[in-house]
């Protein structure tokens, strides 16, 4: 349970390290209102796309811990790249890459936790609690390093740390049987 709690802590630390600061940072960066809305909506766009990708593709083809590792590696590097983005389009594209790889990991971390606790009804809440603690803890570094651009370093570092840490998580193989049974259900549905 300790490794799963650390996973949840880092997962939500990443999100909490940038989201509250972005609303004030984007106008400082010189983006107009329309550009800001597009950048802030990358998470929502990725939520629609990621929902299908993580549930339909990743669950069937990748072990969850490896998918988590690769996703956070790519997402973390994209977020660090935002430091060097000089135009709206480069900033938007890197933010979209980060979100497309981050959003599916929210459900993947839940899958890993559910698959690896002995009693999900009793244990999952205690493991997931560490995600909330991670979100809150993400604000603390800004007490000592108040510059908003530090969010790129904190988020990127936490993503890369979780990418490495994910390789130490319990092996959670692809769930081809569950995915196949969902497909069989729909295949067997016949119109009246």
C-alpha atoms as a PDB file:
ATOM      1  CA  UNK A   1       0.000   0.000   0.000  1.00  0.00           C
ATOM      2  CA  UNK A   2       2.901   2.376   0.621  1.00  0.00           C
ATOM      3  CA  UNK A   3       4.046   2.321  -3.003  1.00  0.00           C
ATOM      4  CA  UNK A   4       0.473   2.848  -4.180  1.00  0.00           C
ATOM      5  CA  UNK A   5       0.106   5.804  -1.793  1.00  0.00           C
ATOM      6  CA  UNK A   6       3.330   7.360  -3.154  1.00  0.00           C
ATOM      7  CA  UNK A   7       2.010   6.838  -6.680  1.00  0.00           C
ATOM      8  CA  UNK A   8      -1.223   8.687  -5.816  1.00  0.00           C
ATOM      9  CA  UNK A   9       0.684  11.451  -4.021  1.00  0.00           C
ATOM     10  CA  UNK A  10       2.876  12.138  -7.060  1.00  0.00           C
ATOM     11  CA  UNK A  11      -0.009  11.771  -9.532  1.00  0.00           C
ATOM     12  CA  UNK A  12      -1.999  14.582  -7.954  1.00  0.00           C
ATOM     13  CA  UNK A  13       1.040  16.630  -6.934  1.00  0.00           C
ATOM     14  CA  UNK A  14       1.738  17.025 -10.663  1.00  0.00           C
ATOM     15  CA  UNK A  15      -1.717  18.431 -11.362  1.00  0.00           C
ATOM     16  CA  UNK A  16      -1.782  20.610  -8.253  1.00  0.00           C
ATOM     17  CA  UNK A  17       1.640  22.097  -9.012  1.00  0.00           C
ATOM     18  CA  UNK A  18       0.492  23.887 -12.168  1.00  0.00           C
ATOM     19  CA  UNK A  19      -3.296  24.238 -12.371  1.00  0.00           C
ATOM     20  CA  UNK A  20      -3.888  26.884  -9.658  1.00  0.00           C
ATOM     21  CA  UNK A  21      -1.060  29.064 -11.005  1.00  0.00           C
ATOM     22  CA  UNK A  22      -1.883  28.898 -14.706  1.00  0.00           C
ATOM     23  CA  UNK A  23      -4.769  31.348 -14.489  1.00  0.00           C
ATOM     24  CA  UNK A  24      -2.441  34.140 -13.335  1.00  0.00           C
ATOM     25  CA  UNK A  25       0.594  33.019 -15.340  1.00  0.00           C
ATOM     26  CA  UNK A  26      -0.942  32.991 -18.839  1.00  0.00           C
ATOM     27  CA  UNK A  27      -1.827  36.726 -18.929  1.00  0.00           C
ATOM     28  CA  UNK A  28       1.677  37.528 -17.624  1.00  0.00           C
ATOM     29  CA  UNK A  29       3.067  35.509 -20.512  1.00  0.00           C
ATOM     30  CA  UNK A  30       1.198  37.810 -22.905  1.00  0.00           C
ATOM     31  CA  UNK A  31      -1.502  35.448 -24.153  1.00  0.00           C
ATOM     32  CA  UNK A  32      -4.816  37.097 -25.007  1.00  0.00           C
ATOM     33  CA  UNK A  33      -8.147  35.847 -23.643  1.00  0.00           C
ATOM     34  CA  UNK A  34      -8.876  33.529 -26.583  1.00  0.00           C
ATOM     35  CA  UNK A  35      -5.399  31.998 -26.438  1.00  0.00           C
ATOM     36  CA  UNK A  36      -5.703  31.542 -22.680  1.00  0.00           C
ATOM     37  CA  UNK A  37      -8.999  29.723 -23.072  1.00  0.00           C
ATOM     38  CA  UNK A  38      -7.523  27.362 -25.672  1.00  0.00           C
ATOM     39  CA  UNK A  39      -4.535  26.597 -23.450  1.00  0.00           C
ATOM     40  CA  UNK A  40      -6.704  26.053 -20.377  1.00  0.00           C
ATOM     41  CA  UNK A  41      -9.065  23.818 -22.354  1.00  0.00           C
ATOM     42  CA  UNK A  42      -6.296  21.424 -23.364  1.00  0.00           C
ATOM     43  CA  UNK A  43      -7.106  19.467 -20.208  1.00  0.00           C
ATOM     44  CA  UNK A  44     -10.785  19.215 -21.147  1.00  0.00           C
ATOM     45  CA  UNK A  45      -9.958  18.199 -24.720  1.00  0.00           C
ATOM     46  CA  UNK A  46      -7.523  15.596 -23.430  1.00  0.00           C
ATOM     47  CA  UNK A  47     -10.191  14.304 -21.054  1.00  0.00           C
ATOM     48  CA  UNK A  48     -12.430  13.378 -23.985  1.00  0.00           C
ATOM     49  CA  UNK A  49      -9.618  11.847 -26.012  1.00  0.00           C
ATOM     50  CA  UNK A  50      -7.885  10.240 -23.024  1.00  0.00           C
ATOM     51  CA  UNK A  51     -11.058   8.562 -21.845  1.00  0.00           C
ATOM     52  CA  UNK A  52     -11.191   6.494 -25.019  1.00  0.00           C
ATOM     53  CA  UNK A  53      -7.440   5.969 -25.265  1.00  0.00           C
ATOM     54  CA  UNK A  54      -6.863   4.754 -21.710  1.00  0.00           C
ATOM     55  CA  UNK A  55      -9.971   2.596 -21.495  1.00  0.00           C
ATOM     56  CA  UNK A  56      -9.954   1.104 -24.961  1.00  0.00           C
ATOM     57  CA  UNK A  57      -6.320   0.959 -26.007  1.00  0.00           C
ATOM     58  CA  UNK A  58      -4.034   1.062 -22.989  1.00  0.00           C
ATOM     59  CA  UNK A  59      -6.074  -1.357 -20.860  1.00  0.00           C
ATOM     60  CA  UNK A  60      -5.816  -4.016 -23.550  1.00  0.00           C
ATOM     61  CA  UNK A  61      -2.268  -3.545 -24.799  1.00  0.00           C
ATOM     62  CA  UNK A  62       0.041  -2.343 -22.024  1.00  0.00           C
ATOM     63  CA  UNK A  63       0.830  -3.216 -18.466  1.00  0.00           C
ATOM     64  CA  UNK A  64      -0.533  -0.362 -16.403  1.00  0.00           C
ATOM     65  CA  UNK A  65       2.709   0.505 -14.621  1.00  0.00           C
ATOM     66  CA  UNK A  66       4.648   0.767 -17.903  1.00  0.00           C
ATOM     67  CA  UNK A  67       1.935   2.856 -19.509  1.00  0.00           C
ATOM     68  CA  UNK A  68       2.090   5.136 -16.463  1.00  0.00           C
ATOM     69  CA  UNK A  69       5.861   5.402 -16.738  1.00  0.00           C
ATOM     70  CA  UNK A  70       5.946   6.244 -20.444  1.00  0.00           C
ATOM     71  CA  UNK A  71       3.051   8.682 -20.130  1.00  0.00           C
ATOM     72  CA  UNK A  72       4.697  10.626 -17.320  1.00  0.00           C
ATOM     73  CA  UNK A  73       8.044  10.638 -19.081  1.00  0.00           C
ATOM     74  CA  UNK A  74       6.541  12.200 -22.216  1.00  0.00           C
ATOM     75  CA  UNK A  75       4.177  14.478 -20.280  1.00  0.00           C
ATOM     76  CA  UNK A  76       6.932  15.665 -17.945  1.00  0.00           C
ATOM     77  CA  UNK A  77       9.298  16.484 -20.805  1.00  0.00           C
ATOM     78  CA  UNK A  78       6.500  18.349 -22.599  1.00  0.00           C
ATOM     79  CA  UNK A  79       5.779  20.394 -19.484  1.00  0.00           C
ATOM     80  CA  UNK A  80       9.446  21.279 -19.068  1.00  0.00           C
ATOM     81  CA  UNK A  81       9.434  22.281 -22.728  1.00  0.00           C
ATOM     82  CA  UNK A  82       6.843  24.950 -21.942  1.00  0.00           C
ATOM     83  CA  UNK A  83       9.673  26.982 -20.418  1.00  0.00           C
ATOM     84  CA  UNK A  84      11.126  27.382 -23.904  1.00  0.00           C
ATOM     85  CA  UNK A  85       7.913  27.840 -25.894  1.00  0.00           C
ATOM     86  CA  UNK A  86       8.081  31.263 -27.527  1.00  0.00           C
ATOM     87  CA  UNK A  87       4.746  31.380 -29.328  1.00  0.00           C
ATOM     88  CA  UNK A  88       1.137  30.551 -28.642  1.00  0.00           C
ATOM     89  CA  UNK A  89       1.170  27.568 -31.009  1.00  0.00           C
ATOM     90  CA  UNK A  90       4.272  25.977 -29.486  1.00  0.00           C
ATOM     91  CA  UNK A  91       2.918  26.552 -25.974  1.00  0.00           C
ATOM     92  CA  UNK A  92      -0.494  25.171 -26.925  1.00  0.00           C
ATOM     93  CA  UNK A  93       1.017  22.104 -28.631  1.00  0.00           C
ATOM     94  CA  UNK A  94       3.274  21.243 -25.675  1.00  0.00           C
ATOM     95  CA  UNK A  95       0.428  21.742 -23.210  1.00  0.00           C
ATOM     96  CA  UNK A  96      -1.769  19.499 -25.334  1.00  0.00           C
ATOM     97  CA  UNK A  97       0.917  16.796 -25.359  1.00  0.00           C
ATOM     98  CA  UNK A  98       1.257  17.036 -21.582  1.00  0.00           C
ATOM     99  CA  UNK A  99      -2.493  16.777 -21.044  1.00  0.00           C
ATOM    100  CA  UNK A 100      -2.991  13.976 -23.592  1.00  0.00           C
ATOM    101  CA  UNK A 101      -0.460  11.886 -21.694  1.00  0.00           C
ATOM    102  CA  UNK A 102      -1.415  13.000 -18.177  1.00  0.00           C
ATOM    103  CA  UNK A 103      -5.209  12.652 -18.243  1.00  0.00           C
ATOM    104  CA  UNK A 104      -5.289   8.878 -18.931  1.00  0.00           C
ATOM    105  CA  UNK A 105      -2.952   8.295 -16.001  1.00  0.00           C
ATOM    106  CA  UNK A 106      -5.659   9.383 -13.560  1.00  0.00           C
ATOM    107  CA  UNK A 107      -7.740   6.314 -14.378  1.00  0.00           C
ATOM    108  CA  UNK A 108      -4.655   4.129 -14.781  1.00  0.00           C
ATOM    109  CA  UNK A 109      -3.484   4.922 -11.228  1.00  0.00           C
ATOM    110  CA  UNK A 110      -6.943   3.969  -9.981  1.00  0.00           C
ATOM    111  CA  UNK A 111      -6.734   0.694 -11.923  1.00  0.00           C
ATOM    112  CA  UNK A 112      -3.312  -0.084 -10.459  1.00  0.00           C
ATOM    113  CA  UNK A 113      -4.542   0.646  -6.954  1.00  0.00           C
ATOM    114  CA  UNK A 114      -7.723  -1.435  -7.297  1.00  0.00           C
ATOM    115  CA  UNK A 115      -5.812  -4.353  -8.804  1.00  0.00           C
ATOM    116  CA  UNK A 116      -3.175  -4.427  -6.082  1.00  0.00           C
ATOM    117  CA  UNK A 117      -4.926  -3.844  -2.761  1.00  0.00           C
ATOM    118  CA  UNK A 118      -6.199  -6.846  -0.870  1.00  0.00           C
ATOM    119  CA  UNK A 119      -9.609  -5.338  -0.054  1.00  0.00           C
ATOM    120  CA  UNK A 120     -10.501  -2.506  -2.477  1.00  0.00           C
ATOM    121  CA  UNK A 121     -13.548  -1.414  -0.485  1.00  0.00           C
ATOM    122  CA  UNK A 122     -11.489  -0.990   2.670  1.00  0.00           C
ATOM    123  CA  UNK A 123      -8.073   0.002   1.288  1.00  0.00           C
ATOM    124  CA  UNK A 124      -8.675   2.149  -1.798  1.00  0.00           C
ATOM    125  CA  UNK A 125      -9.879   5.210   0.135  1.00  0.00           C
ATOM    126  CA  UNK A 126      -6.727   5.224   2.257  1.00  0.00           C
ATOM    127  CA  UNK A 127      -4.530   4.945  -0.830  1.00  0.00           C
ATOM    128  CA  UNK A 128      -6.479   7.608  -2.749  1.00  0.00           C
ATOM    129  CA  UNK A 129      -6.304   9.975   0.238  1.00  0.00           C
ATOM    130  CA  UNK A 130      -2.617  10.428  -0.581  1.00  0.00           C
ATOM    131  CA  UNK A 131      -3.620  11.946  -3.914  1.00  0.00           C
ATOM    132  CA  UNK A 132      -5.474  14.701  -2.089  1.00  0.00           C
ATOM    133  CA  UNK A 133      -2.492  15.206   0.201  1.00  0.00           C
ATOM    134  CA  UNK A 134      -0.284  15.442  -2.908  1.00  0.00           C
ATOM    135  CA  UNK A 135      -2.531  18.121  -4.413  1.00  0.00           C
ATOM    136  CA  UNK A 136      -2.298  20.161  -1.206  1.00  0.00           C
ATOM    137  CA  UNK A 137       1.444  19.577  -0.802  1.00  0.00           C
ATOM    138  CA  UNK A 138       2.034  20.915  -4.328  1.00  0.00           C
ATOM    139  CA  UNK A 139       1.397  24.440  -2.999  1.00  0.00           C
ATOM    140  CA  UNK A 140       4.086  24.276  -0.324  1.00  0.00           C
ATOM    141  CA  UNK A 141       7.194  24.705  -2.499  1.00  0.00           C
ATOM    142  CA  UNK A 142       5.862  28.088  -3.625  1.00  0.00           C
ATOM    143  CA  UNK A 143       6.279  29.384  -0.079  1.00  0.00           C
ATOM    144  CA  UNK A 144      10.031  29.122  -0.536  1.00  0.00           C
ATOM    145  CA  UNK A 145      10.184  29.590  -4.322  1.00  0.00           C
ATOM    146  CA  UNK A 146       7.357  32.036  -5.153  1.00  0.00           C
ATOM    147  CA  UNK A 147       8.267  32.661  -8.807  1.00  0.00           C
ATOM    148  CA  UNK A 148       5.439  31.198 -10.904  1.00  0.00           C
ATOM    149  CA  UNK A 149       7.852  29.820 -13.486  1.00  0.00           C
ATOM    150  CA  UNK A 150       8.967  27.306 -10.859  1.00  0.00           C
ATOM    151  CA  UNK A 151       5.736  25.416 -11.596  1.00  0.00           C
ATOM    152  CA  UNK A 152       7.402  24.087 -14.735  1.00  0.00           C
ATOM    153  CA  UNK A 153      10.301  22.676 -12.731  1.00  0.00           C
ATOM    154  CA  UNK A 154       8.108  21.240  -9.945  1.00  0.00           C
ATOM    155  CA  UNK A 155       5.616  19.683 -12.356  1.00  0.00           C
ATOM    156  CA  UNK A 156       8.265  18.377 -14.726  1.00  0.00           C
ATOM    157  CA  UNK A 157      10.403  16.953 -11.922  1.00  0.00           C
ATOM    158  CA  UNK A 158       7.416  15.260 -10.265  1.00  0.00           C
ATOM    159  CA  UNK A 159       6.382  13.762 -13.628  1.00  0.00           C
ATOM    160  CA  UNK A 160       9.850  12.391 -14.282  1.00  0.00           C
ATOM    161  CA  UNK A 161      10.060  11.083 -10.722  1.00  0.00           C
ATOM    162  CA  UNK A 162       6.722   9.284 -11.136  1.00  0.00           C
ATOM    163  CA  UNK A 163       7.888   7.922 -14.498  1.00  0.00           C
ATOM    164  CA  UNK A 164      10.848   6.275 -12.760  1.00  0.00           C
ATOM    165  CA  UNK A 165       8.885   5.273  -9.652  1.00  0.00           C
ATOM    166  CA  UNK A 166       6.178   3.615 -11.776  1.00  0.00           C
ATOM    167  CA  UNK A 167       8.661   0.928 -12.764  1.00  0.00           C
ATOM    168  CA  UNK A 168       8.782  -0.179  -9.109  1.00  0.00           C
ATOM    169  CA  UNK A 169       4.996  -0.620  -8.864  1.00  0.00           C
ATOM    170  CA  UNK A 170       3.431  -4.085  -8.819  1.00  0.00           C
ATOM    171  CA  UNK A 171       3.025  -5.572 -12.273  1.00  0.00           C
ATOM    172  CA  UNK A 172      -0.504  -4.942 -13.506  1.00  0.00           C
ATOM    173  CA  UNK A 173      -0.927  -6.760 -16.830  1.00  0.00           C
ATOM    174  CA  UNK A 174      -3.308  -5.720 -19.610  1.00  0.00           C
ATOM    175  CA  UNK A 175      -6.916  -6.680 -19.022  1.00  0.00           C
ATOM    176  CA  UNK A 176      -7.697  -8.229 -22.397  1.00  0.00           C
ATOM    177  CA  UNK A 177     -10.344 -10.518 -20.915  1.00  0.00           C
ATOM    178  CA  UNK A 178     -12.372  -7.619 -19.448  1.00  0.00           C
ATOM    179  CA  UNK A 179     -12.071  -5.617 -22.638  1.00  0.00           C
ATOM    180  CA  UNK A 180     -13.034  -8.634 -24.758  1.00  0.00           C
ATOM    181  CA  UNK A 181     -16.074  -9.353 -22.601  1.00  0.00           C
ATOM    182  CA  UNK A 182     -17.252  -5.739 -23.063  1.00  0.00           C
ATOM    183  CA  UNK A 183     -16.878  -6.141 -26.831  1.00  0.00           C
ATOM    184  CA  UNK A 184     -18.708  -9.481 -26.800  1.00  0.00           C
ATOM    185  CA  UNK A 185     -21.585  -7.879 -24.908  1.00  0.00           C
ATOM    186  CA  UNK A 186     -22.016  -5.265 -27.632  1.00  0.00           C
ATOM    187  CA  UNK A 187     -21.557  -7.841 -30.395  1.00  0.00           C
ATOM    188  CA  UNK A 188     -24.324  -9.969 -28.877  1.00  0.00           C
ATOM    189  CA  UNK A 189     -26.793  -7.095 -28.655  1.00  0.00           C
ATOM    190  CA  UNK A 190     -29.247  -7.596 -31.475  1.00  0.00           C
ATOM    191  CA  UNK A 191     -31.919  -5.107 -32.429  1.00  0.00           C
ATOM    192  CA  UNK A 192     -35.486  -6.353 -31.839  1.00  0.00           C
END
